[in-house]
Amino acid sequence: KEATAIIGGEVVHIRFRSSFMSRLIQSSENIQCYYSEIKNHVLSYKGIKARGSWNYEAFNKGRTQLVKLNIKGKTLIVNLNLDPKEFNINKYHFIDCSDKPKFAKVPMMMKVRSARALKYTLELIDELMAKNEITKCETPTVDYRMPYETTEELAKKGLVKVILPAGVTLS
């Protein structure tokens, strides 16, 4: 995202760096519903903790990262700690990211843009939890959807970083 402003009589190009939370807040209703469904499903397993960072949200059991959520454009990205070679790519339509060091712990990438992709992702999460011998427990479902906010409001909250050219400051 970019904007142009006049600061001190000069035209300045301003860039914005969005956090995971700001991308979620500004995402469509479908993406927020998919996110809420997946987060509730993962947290329904015993001992799973959510950890948010600037770029993504991770779900861990102890020190083992099991699931990583991210948003790119209009797509919810779900990375799973499963070996992609064990699953049928024609059914699940995943991307094998095992060659990238960033995704070494969670090499199976699912793009969730539809109800069918959500269903398959939830199936794979169940498979992942069964593989790691993690049992399901009764937890109340929470609605994690958030109302839309503008980029300026998110910047004031610190969820969007404003990047200015060298030597330019905002007053």
N, C-alpha and C. Protein backbone atom coordinates (compact mmCIF):
# COMPACT_ATOMS: atom_id res chain seq x y z
N LYS A 1 0.84 -1.18 0.00
CA LYS A 1 0.00 0.00 0.00
C LYS A 1 0.88 1.23 0.00
N GLU A 2 0.47 2.21 -0.75
CA GLU A 2 1.22 3.45 -0.85
C GLU A 2 0.26 4.62 -0.85
N ALA A 3 0.80 5.78 -0.48
CA ALA A 3 0.05 7.03 -0.52
C ALA A 3 1.02 8.15 -0.84
N THR A 4 0.47 9.28 -1.26
CA THR A 4 1.28 10.45 -1.55
C THR A 4 0.81 11.58 -0.66
N ALA A 5 1.74 12.33 -0.08
CA ALA A 5 1.40 13.46 0.79
C ALA A 5 2.35 14.61 0.51
N ILE A 6 1.93 15.79 0.86
CA ILE A 6 2.79 16.96 0.74
C ILE A 6 3.27 17.32 2.14
N ILE A 7 4.59 17.17 2.35
CA ILE A 7 5.20 17.45 3.65
C ILE A 7 6.30 18.47 3.43
N GLY A 8 6.14 19.64 4.08
CA GLY A 8 7.15 20.70 3.95
C GLY A 8 7.27 21.21 2.52
N GLY A 9 6.17 21.23 1.79
CA GLY A 9 6.18 21.72 0.42
C GLY A 9 6.67 20.71 -0.60
N GLU A 10 7.01 19.51 -0.20
CA GLU A 10 7.49 18.46 -1.10
C GLU A 10 6.46 17.34 -1.21
N VAL A 11 6.38 16.75 -2.40
CA VAL A 11 5.53 15.58 -2.58
C VAL A 11 6.32 14.36 -2.12
N VAL A 12 5.77 13.63 -1.17
CA VAL A 12 6.47 12.50 -0.56
C VAL A 12 5.62 11.24 -0.74
N HIS A 13 6.27 10.16 -1.15
CA HIS A 13 5.59 8.87 -1.27
C HIS A 13 5.72 8.13 0.06
N ILE A 14 4.58 7.76 0.62
CA ILE A 14 4.54 7.07 1.90
C ILE A 14 4.11 5.63 1.64
N ARG A 15 4.84 4.69 2.28
CA ARG A 15 4.47 3.28 2.19
C ARG A 15 3.98 2.81 3.55
N PHE A 16 3.13 1.80 3.54
CA PHE A 16 2.61 1.22 4.76
C PHE A 16 3.00 -0.24 4.83
N ARG A 17 3.41 -0.69 6.02
CA ARG A 17 3.71 -2.11 6.24
C ARG A 17 2.66 -2.65 7.20
N SER A 18 1.84 -3.55 6.72
CA SER A 18 0.71 -4.06 7.50
C SER A 18 1.09 -5.29 8.30
N SER A 19 0.57 -5.35 9.53
CA SER A 19 0.76 -6.53 10.36
C SER A 19 -0.29 -7.58 9.99
N PHE A 20 -0.13 -8.78 10.51
CA PHE A 20 -1.11 -9.84 10.28
C PHE A 20 -2.49 -9.40 10.77
N MET A 21 -2.52 -8.79 11.96
CA MET A 21 -3.80 -8.38 12.54
C MET A 21 -4.48 -7.30 11.69
N SER A 22 -3.70 -6.37 11.16
CA SER A 22 -4.31 -5.33 10.32
C SER A 22 -4.83 -5.91 9.01
N ARG A 23 -4.10 -6.89 8.43
CA ARG A 23 -4.58 -7.54 7.21
C ARG A 23 -5.87 -8.30 7.50
N LEU A 24 -5.96 -8.91 8.69
CA LEU A 24 -7.17 -9.63 9.07
C LEU A 24 -8.34 -8.65 9.24
N ILE A 25 -8.10 -7.54 9.90
CA ILE A 25 -9.15 -6.54 10.13
C ILE A 25 -9.67 -5.98 8.80
N GLN A 26 -8.78 -5.80 7.83
CA GLN A 26 -9.19 -5.23 6.55
C GLN A 26 -9.58 -6.29 5.52
N SER A 27 -9.61 -7.55 5.91
CA SER A 27 -9.97 -8.61 4.96
C SER A 27 -11.49 -8.72 4.83
N SER A 28 -11.92 -9.50 3.85
CA SER A 28 -13.35 -9.67 3.57
C SER A 28 -14.02 -10.51 4.66
N GLU A 29 -15.32 -10.52 4.64
CA GLU A 29 -16.11 -11.29 5.61
C GLU A 29 -15.82 -12.78 5.50
N ASN A 30 -15.65 -13.28 4.25
CA ASN A 30 -15.34 -14.70 4.05
C ASN A 30 -14.04 -15.09 4.72
N ILE A 31 -12.99 -14.31 4.50
CA ILE A 31 -11.68 -14.61 5.08
C ILE A 31 -11.77 -14.62 6.59
N GLN A 32 -12.48 -13.66 7.16
CA GLN A 32 -12.62 -13.60 8.62
C GLN A 32 -13.39 -14.81 9.14
N CYS A 33 -14.41 -15.26 8.41
CA CYS A 33 -15.16 -16.46 8.83
C CYS A 33 -14.27 -17.70 8.77
N TYR A 34 -13.49 -17.83 7.69
CA TYR A 34 -12.58 -18.98 7.57
C TYR A 34 -11.55 -18.96 8.69
N TYR A 35 -11.00 -17.77 8.96
CA TYR A 35 -10.01 -17.62 10.05
C TYR A 35 -10.61 -18.04 11.39
N SER A 36 -11.81 -17.55 11.68
CA SER A 36 -12.48 -17.87 12.94
C SER A 36 -12.74 -19.37 13.06
N GLU A 37 -13.18 -19.98 11.98
CA GLU A 37 -13.45 -21.42 11.96
C GLU A 37 -12.18 -22.24 12.22
N ILE A 38 -11.11 -21.88 11.53
CA ILE A 38 -9.85 -22.62 11.68
C ILE A 38 -9.27 -22.42 13.07
N LYS A 39 -9.28 -21.19 13.57
CA LYS A 39 -8.71 -20.92 14.90
C LYS A 39 -9.50 -21.67 15.97
N ASN A 40 -10.82 -21.66 15.90
CA ASN A 40 -11.63 -22.41 16.87
C ASN A 40 -11.34 -23.90 16.79
N HIS A 41 -11.18 -24.41 15.57
CA HIS A 41 -10.92 -25.84 15.39
C HIS A 41 -9.57 -26.24 15.99
N VAL A 42 -8.54 -25.44 15.73
CA VAL A 42 -7.21 -25.76 16.25
C VAL A 42 -7.18 -25.64 17.78
N LEU A 43 -7.80 -24.60 18.31
CA LEU A 43 -7.78 -24.39 19.77
C LEU A 43 -8.69 -25.37 20.51
N SER A 44 -9.50 -26.15 19.78
CA SER A 44 -10.34 -27.15 20.44
C SER A 44 -9.54 -28.38 20.85
N TYR A 45 -8.28 -28.43 20.47
CA TYR A 45 -7.41 -29.55 20.86
C TYR A 45 -6.67 -29.18 22.15
N LYS A 46 -6.42 -30.19 22.95
CA LYS A 46 -5.84 -30.01 24.28
C LYS A 46 -4.38 -29.54 24.21
N GLY A 47 -4.07 -28.48 24.94
CA GLY A 47 -2.70 -28.01 25.07
C GLY A 47 -2.19 -27.13 23.95
N ILE A 48 -3.04 -26.75 23.01
CA ILE A 48 -2.62 -25.90 21.89
C ILE A 48 -2.70 -24.43 22.32
N LYS A 49 -1.62 -23.71 22.08
CA LYS A 49 -1.56 -22.29 22.42
C LYS A 49 -1.36 -21.47 21.14
N ALA A 50 -2.01 -20.32 21.08
CA ALA A 50 -1.86 -19.41 19.94
C ALA A 50 -0.80 -18.37 20.28
N ARG A 51 0.02 -18.05 19.27
CA ARG A 51 1.05 -17.03 19.44
C ARG A 51 1.01 -16.12 18.22
N GLY A 52 0.75 -14.85 18.46
CA GLY A 52 0.69 -13.90 17.36
C GLY A 52 2.00 -13.16 17.19
N SER A 53 2.36 -12.89 15.96
CA SER A 53 3.54 -12.08 15.67
C SER A 53 3.13 -11.04 14.63
N TRP A 54 4.08 -10.24 14.20
CA TRP A 54 3.78 -9.20 13.22
C TRP A 54 3.30 -9.80 11.91
N ASN A 55 3.92 -10.89 11.46
CA ASN A 55 3.64 -11.44 10.13
C ASN A 55 2.62 -12.57 10.09
N TYR A 56 2.40 -13.27 11.19
CA TYR A 56 1.55 -14.45 11.15
C TYR A 56 1.05 -14.78 12.55
N GLU A 57 0.18 -15.79 12.62
CA GLU A 57 -0.25 -16.35 13.91
C GLU A 57 0.09 -17.83 13.88
N ALA A 58 0.76 -18.30 14.94
CA ALA A 58 1.19 -19.69 15.02
C ALA A 58 0.47 -20.39 16.16
N PHE A 59 0.28 -21.70 15.99
CA PHE A 59 -0.33 -22.53 17.02
C PHE A 59 0.66 -23.62 17.37
N ASN A 60 1.02 -23.68 18.65
CA ASN A 60 2.06 -24.59 19.12
C ASN A 60 1.53 -25.52 20.20
N LYS A 61 2.15 -26.68 20.26
CA LYS A 61 1.98 -27.61 21.39
C LYS A 61 3.37 -27.71 22.00
N GLY A 62 3.57 -27.06 23.14
CA GLY A 62 4.90 -26.97 23.72
C GLY A 62 5.78 -26.13 22.80
N ARG A 63 6.91 -26.70 22.37
CA ARG A 63 7.80 -25.98 21.45
C ARG A 63 7.61 -26.39 20.00
N THR A 64 6.66 -27.27 19.75
CA THR A 64 6.43 -27.77 18.40
C THR A 64 5.39 -26.91 17.70
N GLN A 65 5.79 -26.27 16.61
CA GLN A 65 4.86 -25.48 15.83
C GLN A 65 4.05 -26.42 14.94
N LEU A 66 2.72 -26.32 15.04
CA LEU A 66 1.84 -27.22 14.29
C LEU A 66 1.16 -26.54 13.12
N VAL A 67 0.68 -25.31 13.34
CA VAL A 67 -0.08 -24.59 12.32
C VAL A 67 0.37 -23.13 12.30
N LYS A 68 0.43 -22.56 11.10
CA LYS A 68 0.78 -21.16 10.95
C LYS A 68 -0.25 -20.53 10.00
N LEU A 69 -0.84 -19.41 10.40
CA LEU A 69 -1.83 -18.71 9.59
C LEU A 69 -1.26 -17.39 9.10
N ASN A 70 -1.58 -17.03 7.86
CA ASN A 70 -1.14 -15.78 7.28
C ASN A 70 -2.20 -15.33 6.29
N ILE A 71 -2.17 -14.06 5.92
CA ILE A 71 -3.09 -13.54 4.91
C ILE A 71 -2.26 -12.85 3.84
N LYS A 72 -2.51 -13.25 2.59
CA LYS A 72 -1.86 -12.61 1.44
C LYS A 72 -2.96 -12.22 0.47
N GLY A 73 -3.16 -10.94 0.29
CA GLY A 73 -4.22 -10.47 -0.61
C GLY A 73 -5.58 -10.88 -0.10
N LYS A 74 -6.32 -11.63 -0.92
CA LYS A 74 -7.65 -12.09 -0.54
C LYS A 74 -7.65 -13.56 -0.17
N THR A 75 -6.49 -14.07 0.28
CA THR A 75 -6.35 -15.49 0.56
C THR A 75 -5.83 -15.73 1.96
N LEU A 76 -6.46 -16.66 2.66
CA LEU A 76 -5.97 -17.10 3.96
C LEU A 76 -5.01 -18.26 3.70
N ILE A 77 -3.77 -18.12 4.16
CA ILE A 77 -2.75 -19.13 3.97
C ILE A 77 -2.60 -19.92 5.26
N VAL A 78 -2.70 -21.25 5.16
CA VAL A 78 -2.55 -22.13 6.32
C VAL A 78 -1.39 -23.08 6.05
N ASN A 79 -0.35 -23.00 6.88
CA ASN A 79 0.78 -23.91 6.78
C ASN A 79 0.65 -24.95 7.89
N LEU A 80 0.85 -26.21 7.53
CA LEU A 80 0.67 -27.32 8.46
C LEU A 80 1.97 -28.11 8.62
N ASN A 81 2.17 -28.64 9.81
CA ASN A 81 3.34 -29.45 10.12
C ASN A 81 3.08 -30.90 9.68
N LEU A 82 2.89 -31.07 8.37
CA LEU A 82 2.66 -32.40 7.78
C LEU A 82 3.62 -32.59 6.62
N ASP A 83 3.99 -33.83 6.35
CA ASP A 83 4.85 -34.13 5.22
C ASP A 83 4.01 -34.14 3.95
N PRO A 84 4.26 -33.22 3.02
CA PRO A 84 3.44 -33.15 1.80
C PRO A 84 3.51 -34.40 0.93
N LYS A 85 4.57 -35.18 1.06
CA LYS A 85 4.72 -36.38 0.23
C LYS A 85 3.73 -37.48 0.60
N GLU A 86 3.12 -37.39 1.79
CA GLU A 86 2.20 -38.42 2.26
C GLU A 86 0.76 -38.21 1.81
N PHE A 87 0.48 -37.06 1.14
CA PHE A 87 -0.91 -36.72 0.82
C PHE A 87 -1.10 -36.57 -0.68
N ASN A 88 -2.34 -36.75 -1.12
CA ASN A 88 -2.70 -36.67 -2.52
C ASN A 88 -2.88 -35.21 -2.93
N ILE A 89 -2.00 -34.73 -3.80
CA ILE A 89 -2.07 -33.33 -4.23
C ILE A 89 -3.30 -33.06 -5.08
N ASN A 90 -3.83 -34.09 -5.74
CA ASN A 90 -5.02 -33.91 -6.58
C ASN A 90 -6.28 -33.66 -5.76
N LYS A 91 -6.29 -34.13 -4.53
CA LYS A 91 -7.45 -33.87 -3.66
C LYS A 91 -7.28 -32.58 -2.88
N TYR A 92 -6.14 -32.40 -2.23
CA TYR A 92 -5.98 -31.29 -1.30
C TYR A 92 -5.44 -30.01 -1.93
N HIS A 93 -4.83 -30.06 -3.09
CA HIS A 93 -4.31 -28.88 -3.79
C HIS A 93 -3.43 -28.02 -2.89
N PHE A 94 -2.46 -28.64 -2.27
CA PHE A 94 -1.52 -27.94 -1.39
C PHE A 94 -0.27 -27.56 -2.17
N ILE A 95 0.58 -26.75 -1.53
CA ILE A 95 1.87 -26.37 -2.10
C ILE A 95 2.94 -26.90 -1.16
N ASP A 96 3.93 -27.57 -1.72
CA ASP A 96 5.04 -28.12 -0.93
C ASP A 96 6.09 -27.02 -0.74
N CYS A 97 6.24 -26.55 0.49
CA CYS A 97 7.20 -25.48 0.81
C CYS A 97 8.38 -26.01 1.60
N SER A 98 8.63 -27.30 1.54
CA SER A 98 9.68 -27.90 2.36
C SER A 98 11.08 -27.44 1.95
N ASP A 99 11.24 -26.90 0.74
CA ASP A 99 12.55 -26.43 0.30
C ASP A 99 12.88 -25.02 0.80
N LYS A 100 11.91 -24.33 1.41
CA LYS A 100 12.13 -22.98 1.92
C LYS A 100 12.40 -23.03 3.43
N PRO A 101 13.53 -22.47 3.89
CA PRO A 101 13.86 -22.53 5.32
C PRO A 101 12.79 -21.89 6.22
N LYS A 102 12.11 -20.87 5.71
CA LYS A 102 11.06 -20.18 6.47
C LYS A 102 9.92 -21.12 6.85
N PHE A 103 9.69 -22.12 6.00
CA PHE A 103 8.58 -23.05 6.23
C PHE A 103 9.06 -24.45 6.57
N ALA A 104 10.25 -24.59 7.10
CA ALA A 104 10.81 -25.91 7.40
C ALA A 104 9.96 -26.66 8.42
N LYS A 105 9.39 -25.96 9.41
CA LYS A 105 8.58 -26.62 10.43
C LYS A 105 7.16 -26.91 9.96
N VAL A 106 6.67 -26.11 9.02
CA VAL A 106 5.30 -26.25 8.54
C VAL A 106 5.30 -26.25 7.00
N PRO A 107 5.72 -27.36 6.39
CA PRO A 107 5.96 -27.35 4.94
C PRO A 107 4.74 -27.48 4.03
N MET A 108 3.58 -27.86 4.54
CA MET A 108 2.41 -28.02 3.70
C MET A 108 1.56 -26.76 3.72
N MET A 109 1.44 -26.08 2.58
CA MET A 109 0.70 -24.82 2.50
C MET A 109 -0.64 -25.04 1.80
N MET A 110 -1.69 -24.62 2.49
CA MET A 110 -3.05 -24.66 1.93
C MET A 110 -3.53 -23.23 1.74
N LYS A 111 -4.14 -22.96 0.59
CA LYS A 111 -4.74 -21.65 0.34
C LYS A 111 -6.25 -21.80 0.52
N VAL A 112 -6.79 -21.06 1.48
CA VAL A 112 -8.22 -21.18 1.79
C VAL A 112 -8.96 -19.99 1.19
N ARG A 113 -9.69 -20.28 0.09
CA ARG A 113 -10.49 -19.25 -0.58
C ARG A 113 -11.94 -19.67 -0.73
N SER A 114 -12.25 -20.92 -0.34
CA SER A 114 -13.60 -21.43 -0.55
C SER A 114 -13.98 -22.36 0.60
N ALA A 115 -15.25 -22.72 0.64
CA ALA A 115 -15.74 -23.62 1.68
C ALA A 115 -15.11 -25.01 1.54
N ARG A 116 -14.87 -25.45 0.29
CA ARG A 116 -14.26 -26.76 0.09
C ARG A 116 -12.81 -26.76 0.60
N ALA A 117 -12.07 -25.71 0.30
CA ALA A 117 -10.68 -25.61 0.79
C ALA A 117 -10.67 -25.57 2.32
N LEU A 118 -11.65 -24.91 2.92
CA LEU A 118 -11.77 -24.88 4.38
C LEU A 118 -12.02 -26.29 4.91
N LYS A 119 -12.92 -27.03 4.27
CA LYS A 119 -13.23 -28.40 4.70
C LYS A 119 -11.99 -29.29 4.64
N TYR A 120 -11.24 -29.21 3.55
CA TYR A 120 -10.03 -30.01 3.41
C TYR A 120 -8.96 -29.61 4.41
N THR A 121 -8.86 -28.31 4.68
CA THR A 121 -7.89 -27.83 5.67
C THR A 121 -8.23 -28.37 7.06
N LEU A 122 -9.51 -28.36 7.41
CA LEU A 122 -9.92 -28.90 8.71
C LEU A 122 -9.65 -30.40 8.80
N GLU A 123 -9.83 -31.12 7.68
CA GLU A 123 -9.49 -32.55 7.64
C GLU A 123 -8.01 -32.76 7.91
N LEU A 124 -7.18 -31.94 7.28
CA LEU A 124 -5.73 -32.07 7.45
C LEU A 124 -5.31 -31.70 8.88
N ILE A 125 -5.99 -30.74 9.48
CA ILE A 125 -5.69 -30.39 10.88
C ILE A 125 -6.02 -31.56 11.79
N ASP A 126 -7.15 -32.22 11.54
CA ASP A 126 -7.51 -33.42 12.32
C ASP A 126 -6.45 -34.51 12.15
N GLU A 127 -5.98 -34.69 10.92
CA GLU A 127 -4.93 -35.67 10.64
C GLU A 127 -3.64 -35.32 11.38
N LEU A 128 -3.29 -34.04 11.37
CA LEU A 128 -2.09 -33.55 12.06
C LEU A 128 -2.17 -33.82 13.56
N MET A 129 -3.31 -33.53 14.15
CA MET A 129 -3.47 -33.73 15.59
C MET A 129 -3.45 -35.22 15.94
N ALA A 130 -4.05 -36.04 15.10
CA ALA A 130 -4.02 -37.49 15.34
C ALA A 130 -2.59 -38.02 15.25
N LYS A 131 -1.84 -37.51 14.29
CA LYS A 131 -0.44 -37.92 14.11
C LYS A 131 0.40 -37.57 15.34
N ASN A 132 0.11 -36.41 15.95
CA ASN A 132 0.85 -35.95 17.13
C ASN A 132 0.20 -36.41 18.44
N GLU A 133 -0.83 -37.26 18.35
CA GLU A 133 -1.53 -37.82 19.51
C GLU A 133 -2.08 -36.73 20.44
N ILE A 134 -2.70 -35.73 19.85
CA ILE A 134 -3.31 -34.64 20.62
C ILE A 134 -4.82 -34.87 20.59
N THR A 135 -5.42 -34.89 21.77
CA THR A 135 -6.85 -35.19 21.86
C THR A 135 -7.68 -33.91 21.82
N LYS A 136 -8.89 -34.08 21.35
CA LYS A 136 -9.84 -32.97 21.28
C LYS A 136 -10.50 -32.79 22.64
N CYS A 137 -10.77 -31.56 23.02
CA CYS A 137 -11.47 -31.29 24.27
C CYS A 137 -12.60 -30.31 24.00
N GLU A 138 -13.49 -30.18 24.95
CA GLU A 138 -14.64 -29.30 24.80
C GLU A 138 -14.23 -27.87 25.11
N THR A 139 -14.30 -27.00 24.12
CA THR A 139 -14.03 -25.59 24.32
C THR A 139 -15.13 -24.79 23.65
N PRO A 140 -15.51 -23.67 24.24
CA PRO A 140 -16.56 -22.86 23.61
C PRO A 140 -16.02 -22.20 22.35
N THR A 141 -16.88 -22.07 21.34
CA THR A 141 -16.46 -21.40 20.12
C THR A 141 -16.53 -19.89 20.33
N VAL A 142 -15.55 -19.21 19.77
CA VAL A 142 -15.44 -17.75 19.90
C VAL A 142 -15.50 -17.16 18.50
N ASP A 143 -16.18 -16.04 18.36
CA ASP A 143 -16.22 -15.35 17.07
C ASP A 143 -15.02 -14.41 17.00
N TYR A 144 -14.05 -14.73 16.14
CA TYR A 144 -12.83 -13.93 16.03
C TYR A 144 -12.92 -12.88 14.93
N ARG A 145 -14.09 -12.68 14.35
CA ARG A 145 -14.23 -11.65 13.31
C ARG A 145 -14.13 -10.27 13.94
N MET A 146 -13.62 -9.32 13.16
CA MET A 146 -13.41 -7.97 13.67
C MET A 146 -14.00 -6.95 12.70
N PRO A 147 -14.47 -5.81 13.21
CA PRO A 147 -15.01 -4.79 12.30
C PRO A 147 -13.89 -4.13 11.50
N TYR A 148 -14.24 -3.66 10.30
CA TYR A 148 -13.27 -3.03 9.41
C TYR A 148 -12.79 -1.71 10.01
N GLU A 149 -11.50 -1.42 9.84
CA GLU A 149 -10.92 -0.14 10.25
C GLU A 149 -10.04 0.36 9.12
N THR A 150 -9.92 1.68 9.01
CA THR A 150 -9.10 2.26 7.96
C THR A 150 -7.62 2.12 8.30
N THR A 151 -6.79 2.32 7.30
CA THR A 151 -5.34 2.23 7.48
C THR A 151 -4.85 3.27 8.47
N GLU A 152 -5.43 4.46 8.45
CA GLU A 152 -5.03 5.52 9.39
C GLU A 152 -5.33 5.12 10.83
N GLU A 153 -6.52 4.53 11.06
CA GLU A 153 -6.87 4.07 12.41
C GLU A 153 -5.92 2.97 12.89
N LEU A 154 -5.58 2.07 11.99
CA LEU A 154 -4.67 0.98 12.34
C LEU A 154 -3.26 1.50 12.59
N ALA A 155 -2.86 2.53 11.87
CA ALA A 155 -1.53 3.12 12.08
C ALA A 155 -1.46 3.78 13.46
N LYS A 156 -2.55 4.40 13.88
CA LYS A 156 -2.59 5.02 15.22
C LYS A 156 -2.50 3.97 16.32
N LYS A 157 -3.04 2.77 16.05
CA LYS A 157 -2.98 1.67 17.03
C LYS A 157 -1.64 0.94 16.99
N GLY A 158 -0.81 1.22 15.98
CA GLY A 158 0.48 0.55 15.86
C GLY A 158 0.43 -0.75 15.09
N LEU A 159 -0.68 -1.02 14.40
CA LEU A 159 -0.82 -2.26 13.63
C LEU A 159 -0.34 -2.09 12.19
N VAL A 160 -0.09 -0.84 11.78
CA VAL A 160 0.46 -0.55 10.47
C VAL A 160 1.63 0.40 10.68
N LYS A 161 2.78 0.07 10.08
CA LYS A 161 3.94 0.93 10.17
C LYS A 161 3.97 1.86 8.97
N VAL A 162 4.22 3.15 9.22
CA VAL A 162 4.33 4.14 8.16
C VAL A 162 5.81 4.26 7.81
N ILE A 163 6.14 4.03 6.55
CA ILE A 163 7.53 4.08 6.10
C ILE A 163 7.71 5.31 5.22
N LEU A 164 8.56 6.22 5.67
CA LEU A 164 8.82 7.46 4.96
C LEU A 164 10.20 7.42 4.32
N PRO A 165 10.41 8.22 3.27
CA PRO A 165 11.75 8.30 2.70
C PRO A 165 12.76 8.85 3.70
N ALA A 166 14.03 8.59 3.47
CA ALA A 166 15.09 9.03 4.38
C ALA A 166 15.07 10.55 4.52
N GLY A 167 15.20 11.02 5.75
CA GLY A 167 15.25 12.45 6.02
C GLY A 167 13.91 13.12 6.20
N VAL A 168 12.80 12.41 6.01
CA VAL A 168 11.46 12.99 6.15
C VAL A 168 10.86 12.50 7.44
N THR A 169 10.27 13.40 8.21
CA THR A 169 9.60 13.04 9.46
C THR A 169 8.19 13.61 9.45
N LEU A 170 7.30 12.93 10.12
CA LEU A 170 5.93 13.42 10.31
C LEU A 170 5.85 14.19 11.61
N SER A 171 5.15 15.31 11.59
CA SER A 171 5.00 16.07 12.83
C SER A 171 3.66 15.77 13.46
